[in-house]
Amino acid sequence: SQVFRLNLPEHLKVQIIELIGETDFRISQGGDEEVQIMALLARIRLAALKGG
């Protein structure tokens, strides 16, 4: 996964992988792709600001 190549703390990488998995699930269950991707980006940003 490309996430593991990022220059980020390991706990934040794991959190990003979990968020991607959750987003993928929501899209597979019929969630609007654009809304889900925007929500994913927002949650990644919040996680980064909080330090994971």
Foldseek 3Di string as FASTA:
>chain_A
DVLVVDPADPVLSVVLVVLVVVLVVCVVVPDDNVVSVVVSVVVSVVCVVVRD
